[in-house]
PDB file of N, CA and C in Angstrom:
ATOM      1  N   UNK A   1       1.003 -87.728  -3.542  1.00  0.00           N
ATOM      2  CA  UNK A   1       0.374 -86.362  -4.023  1.00  0.00           C
ATOM      3  C   UNK A   1      -0.801 -85.995  -4.285  1.00  0.00           C
ATOM      4  N   UNK A   2      -1.680 -84.920  -3.378  1.00  0.00           N
ATOM      5  CA  UNK A   2      -3.076 -85.118  -4.071  1.00  0.00           C
ATOM      6  C   UNK A   2      -3.178 -84.280  -5.619  1.00  0.00           C
ATOM      7  N   UNK A   3      -4.390 -84.224  -6.592  1.00  0.00           N
ATOM      8  CA  UNK A   3      -4.551 -83.060  -7.161  1.00  0.00           C
ATOM      9  C   UNK A   3      -4.363 -82.197  -7.393  1.00  0.00           C
ATOM     10  N   UNK A   4      -4.884 -81.251  -6.065  1.00  0.00           N
ATOM     11  CA  UNK A   4      -5.034 -79.827  -6.093  1.00  0.00           C
ATOM     12  C   UNK A   4      -3.179 -79.750  -5.666  1.00  0.00           C
ATOM     13  N   UNK A   5      -2.547 -80.331  -5.198  1.00  0.00           N
ATOM     14  CA  UNK A   5      -1.493 -80.026  -5.075  1.00  0.00           C
ATOM     15  C   UNK A   5      -0.658 -79.832  -6.729  1.00  0.00           C
ATOM     16  N   UNK A   6      -1.412 -80.404  -7.725  1.00  0.00           N
ATOM     17  CA  UNK A   6      -0.429 -80.363  -9.180  1.00  0.00           C
ATOM     18  C   UNK A   6      -1.167 -79.120  -9.574  1.00  0.00           C
ATOM     19  N   UNK A   7      -2.653 -78.155  -8.907  1.00  0.00           N
ATOM     20  CA  UNK A   7      -3.141 -77.201 -10.449  1.00  0.00           C
ATOM     21  C   UNK A   7      -2.619 -75.992 -10.030  1.00  0.00           C
ATOM     22  N   UNK A   8      -3.551 -75.255  -9.976  1.00  0.00           N
ATOM     23  CA  UNK A   8      -2.647 -74.088  -9.683  1.00  0.00           C
ATOM     24  C   UNK A   8      -2.239 -73.786  -7.861  1.00  0.00           C
ATOM     25  N   UNK A   9      -3.310 -74.788  -7.110  1.00  0.00           N
ATOM     26  CA  UNK A   9      -2.292 -74.138  -6.148  1.00  0.00           C
ATOM     27  C   UNK A   9      -1.926 -75.313  -5.521  1.00  0.00           C
ATOM     28  N   UNK A  10      -0.496 -74.391  -6.417  1.00  0.00           N
ATOM     29  CA  UNK A  10       1.162 -75.533  -6.337  1.00  0.00           C
ATOM     30  C   UNK A  10       1.568 -75.593  -4.696  1.00  0.00           C
ATOM     31  N   UNK A  11       1.309 -75.306  -3.675  1.00  0.00           N
ATOM     32  CA  UNK A  11       1.851 -75.553  -2.353  1.00  0.00           C
ATOM     33  C   UNK A  11       1.658 -76.807  -1.539  1.00  0.00           C
ATOM     34  N   UNK A  12       2.963 -76.500  -0.106  1.00  0.00           N
ATOM     35  CA  UNK A  12       2.510 -78.089   0.076  1.00  0.00           C
ATOM     36  C   UNK A  12       1.019 -78.039   1.723  1.00  0.00           C
ATOM     37  N   UNK A  13      -0.288 -78.751   1.082  1.00  0.00           N
ATOM     38  CA  UNK A  13      -0.868 -78.235   2.607  1.00  0.00           C
ATOM     39  C   UNK A  13      -2.550 -77.461   0.885  1.00  0.00           C
ATOM     40  N   UNK A  14      -2.388 -77.835   0.063  1.00  0.00           N
ATOM     41  CA  UNK A  14      -3.401 -76.900  -0.738  1.00  0.00           C
ATOM     42  C   UNK A  14      -4.512 -77.701  -0.765  1.00  0.00           C
ATOM     43  N   UNK A  15      -4.672 -79.166  -0.110  1.00  0.00           N
ATOM     44  CA  UNK A  15      -5.722 -80.213  -0.259  1.00  0.00           C
ATOM     45  C   UNK A  15      -5.927 -79.669   1.278  1.00  0.00           C
ATOM     46  N   UNK A  16      -5.702 -79.311   2.075  1.00  0.00           N
ATOM     47  CA  UNK A  16      -6.469 -79.027   3.963  1.00  0.00           C
ATOM     48  C   UNK A  16      -7.361 -78.267   3.770  1.00  0.00           C
ATOM     49  N   UNK A  17      -8.583 -78.749   4.311  1.00  0.00           N
ATOM     50  CA  UNK A  17      -9.629 -78.780   4.445  1.00  0.00           C
ATOM     51  C   UNK A  17      -9.408 -77.059   4.929  1.00  0.00           C
ATOM     52  N   UNK A  18      -8.831 -76.073   5.580  1.00  0.00           N
ATOM     53  CA  UNK A  18      -9.007 -74.921   5.875  1.00  0.00           C
ATOM     54  C   UNK A  18      -9.398 -74.135   4.898  1.00  0.00           C
ATOM     55  N   UNK A  19      -7.635 -74.000   3.744  1.00  0.00           N
ATOM     56  CA  UNK A  19      -7.588 -73.722   2.396  1.00  0.00           C
ATOM     57  C   UNK A  19      -9.015 -73.517   1.637  1.00  0.00           C
ATOM     58  N   UNK A  20      -9.424 -75.013   1.131  1.00  0.00           N
ATOM     59  CA  UNK A  20     -10.178 -75.374   0.644  1.00  0.00           C
ATOM     60  C   UNK A  20     -11.484 -74.493   0.525  1.00  0.00           C
ATOM     61  N   UNK A  21     -12.266 -74.440   2.631  1.00  0.00           N
ATOM     62  CA  UNK A  21     -13.045 -73.921   3.342  1.00  0.00           C
ATOM     63  C   UNK A  21     -12.780 -72.158   3.081  1.00  0.00           C
ATOM     64  N   UNK A  22     -12.280 -72.596   2.420  1.00  0.00           N
ATOM     65  CA  UNK A  22     -11.214 -70.087   2.610  1.00  0.00           C
ATOM     66  C   UNK A  22     -12.080 -69.848   0.776  1.00  0.00           C
ATOM     67  N   UNK A  23     -11.090 -70.869   0.543  1.00  0.00           N
ATOM     68  CA  UNK A  23     -11.874 -70.813  -1.293  1.00  0.00           C
ATOM     69  C   UNK A  23     -12.969 -70.203  -1.328  1.00  0.00           C
ATOM     70  N   UNK A  24     -13.360 -72.118  -1.119  1.00  0.00           N
ATOM     71  CA  UNK A  24     -14.194 -72.393  -1.659  1.00  0.00           C
ATOM     72  C   UNK A  24     -15.707 -70.220  -0.805  1.00  0.00           C
ATOM     73  N   UNK A  25     -15.369 -69.929   0.281  1.00  0.00           N
ATOM     74  CA  UNK A  25     -16.013 -68.984   1.296  1.00  0.00           C
ATOM     75  C   UNK A  25     -16.258 -67.440  -0.298  1.00  0.00           C
ATOM     76  N   UNK A  26     -14.403 -67.353  -0.307  1.00  0.00           N
ATOM     77  CA  UNK A  26     -13.890 -66.254  -1.577  1.00  0.00           C
ATOM     78  C   UNK A  26     -14.997 -66.250  -2.150  1.00  0.00           C
ATOM     79  N   UNK A  27     -15.210 -67.880  -3.537  1.00  0.00           N
ATOM     80  CA  UNK A  27     -15.613 -68.051  -4.468  1.00  0.00           C
ATOM     81  C   UNK A  27     -17.396 -67.348  -4.167  1.00  0.00           C
ATOM     82  N   UNK A  28     -17.315 -68.387  -3.774  1.00  0.00           N
ATOM     83  CA  UNK A  28     -18.955 -68.085  -3.315  1.00  0.00           C
ATOM     84  C   UNK A  28     -19.549 -66.579  -3.235  1.00  0.00           C
ATOM     85  N   UNK A  29     -18.655 -66.169  -2.323  1.00  0.00           N
ATOM     86  CA  UNK A  29     -18.833 -64.428  -1.932  1.00  0.00           C
ATOM     87  C   UNK A  29     -19.250 -63.204  -3.305  1.00  0.00           C
ATOM     88  N   UNK A  30     -17.711 -64.066  -4.165  1.00  0.00           N
ATOM     89  CA  UNK A  30     -17.819 -62.791  -5.506  1.00  0.00           C
ATOM     90  C   UNK A  30     -18.912 -63.557  -6.009  1.00  0.00           C
ATOM     91  N   UNK A  31     -18.793 -64.503  -5.878  1.00  0.00           N
ATOM     92  CA  UNK A  31     -20.976 -64.956  -7.257  1.00  0.00           C
ATOM     93  C   UNK A  31     -21.614 -64.298  -6.890  1.00  0.00           C
ATOM     94  N   UNK A  32     -22.224 -64.000  -5.635  1.00  0.00           N
ATOM     95  CA  UNK A  32     -23.403 -63.836  -4.710  1.00  0.00           C
ATOM     96  C   UNK A  32     -22.523 -62.388  -4.636  1.00  0.00           C
ATOM     97  N   UNK A  33     -21.967 -61.099  -5.037  1.00  0.00           N
ATOM     98  CA  UNK A  33     -21.828 -59.866  -4.723  1.00  0.00           C
ATOM     99  C   UNK A  33     -21.808 -59.806  -6.146  1.00  0.00           C
ATOM    100  N   UNK A  34     -21.632 -60.108  -7.426  1.00  0.00           N
ATOM    101  CA  UNK A  34     -21.937 -60.276  -8.589  1.00  0.00           C
ATOM    102  C   UNK A  34     -23.126 -59.842  -9.163  1.00  0.00           C
ATOM    103  N   UNK A  35     -23.987 -61.107  -8.560  1.00  0.00           N
ATOM    104  CA  UNK A  35     -25.235 -61.179  -8.452  1.00  0.00           C
ATOM    105  C   UNK A  35     -26.478 -60.536  -8.571  1.00  0.00           C
ATOM    106  N   UNK A  36     -25.739 -60.169  -7.320  1.00  0.00           N
ATOM    107  CA  UNK A  36     -26.081 -58.942  -6.383  1.00  0.00           C
ATOM    108  C   UNK A  36     -26.585 -57.193  -7.607  1.00  0.00           C
ATOM    109  N   UNK A  37     -24.822 -57.500  -7.557  1.00  0.00           N
ATOM    110  CA  UNK A  37     -24.852 -56.497  -8.229  1.00  0.00           C
ATOM    111  C   UNK A  37     -25.505 -56.134  -9.960  1.00  0.00           C
ATOM    112  N   UNK A  38     -25.732 -57.413 -10.118  1.00  0.00           N
ATOM    113  CA  UNK A  38     -26.264 -57.353 -11.605  1.00  0.00           C
ATOM    114  C   UNK A  38     -27.771 -56.632 -11.443  1.00  0.00           C
ATOM    115  N   UNK A  39     -28.139 -57.673 -10.107  1.00  0.00           N
ATOM    116  CA  UNK A  39     -29.426 -56.999 -10.058  1.00  0.00           C
ATOM    117  C   UNK A  39     -29.761 -55.333 -10.205  1.00  0.00           C
ATOM    118  N   UNK A  40     -29.081 -54.842  -9.258  1.00  0.00           N
ATOM    119  CA  UNK A  40     -29.155 -53.577  -8.451  1.00  0.00           C
ATOM    120  C   UNK A  40     -29.607 -52.500  -9.671  1.00  0.00           C
ATOM    121  N   UNK A  41     -28.150 -53.291 -10.619  1.00  0.00           N
ATOM    122  CA  UNK A  41     -27.915 -52.092 -12.426  1.00  0.00           C
ATOM    123  C   UNK A  41     -29.550 -51.983 -13.208  1.00  0.00           C
ATOM    124  N   UNK A  42     -28.996 -53.504 -13.316  1.00  0.00           N
ATOM    125  CA  UNK A  42     -29.856 -54.397 -13.761  1.00  0.00           C
ATOM    126  C   UNK A  42     -31.830 -54.207 -13.845  1.00  0.00           C
ATOM    127  N   UNK A  43     -32.205 -53.245 -12.372  1.00  0.00           N
ATOM    128  CA  UNK A  43     -33.672 -52.874 -11.780  1.00  0.00           C
ATOM    129  C   UNK A  43     -33.214 -51.903 -11.272  1.00  0.00           C
ATOM    130  N   UNK A  44     -31.845 -50.759 -11.700  1.00  0.00           N
ATOM    131  CA  UNK A  44     -32.022 -49.392 -11.517  1.00  0.00           C
ATOM    132  C   UNK A  44     -33.285 -49.352 -10.717  1.00  0.00           C
ATOM    133  N   UNK A  45     -34.136 -48.080 -10.436  1.00  0.00           N
ATOM    134  CA  UNK A  45     -34.686 -46.863  -9.772  1.00  0.00           C
ATOM    135  C   UNK A  45     -34.296 -45.784  -9.729  1.00  0.00           C
TER     136      UNK A  45
END
């Protein structure tokens, strides 16, 4: 059993490359969106 199966992702296959890739893309996309939004609000013209 890998460490990822014991964390918050408690399902079989949580450490598969596809699931990790999707999670990473979603997380980085959310961070990028928040940075973009914050810059738009901070420097609104």
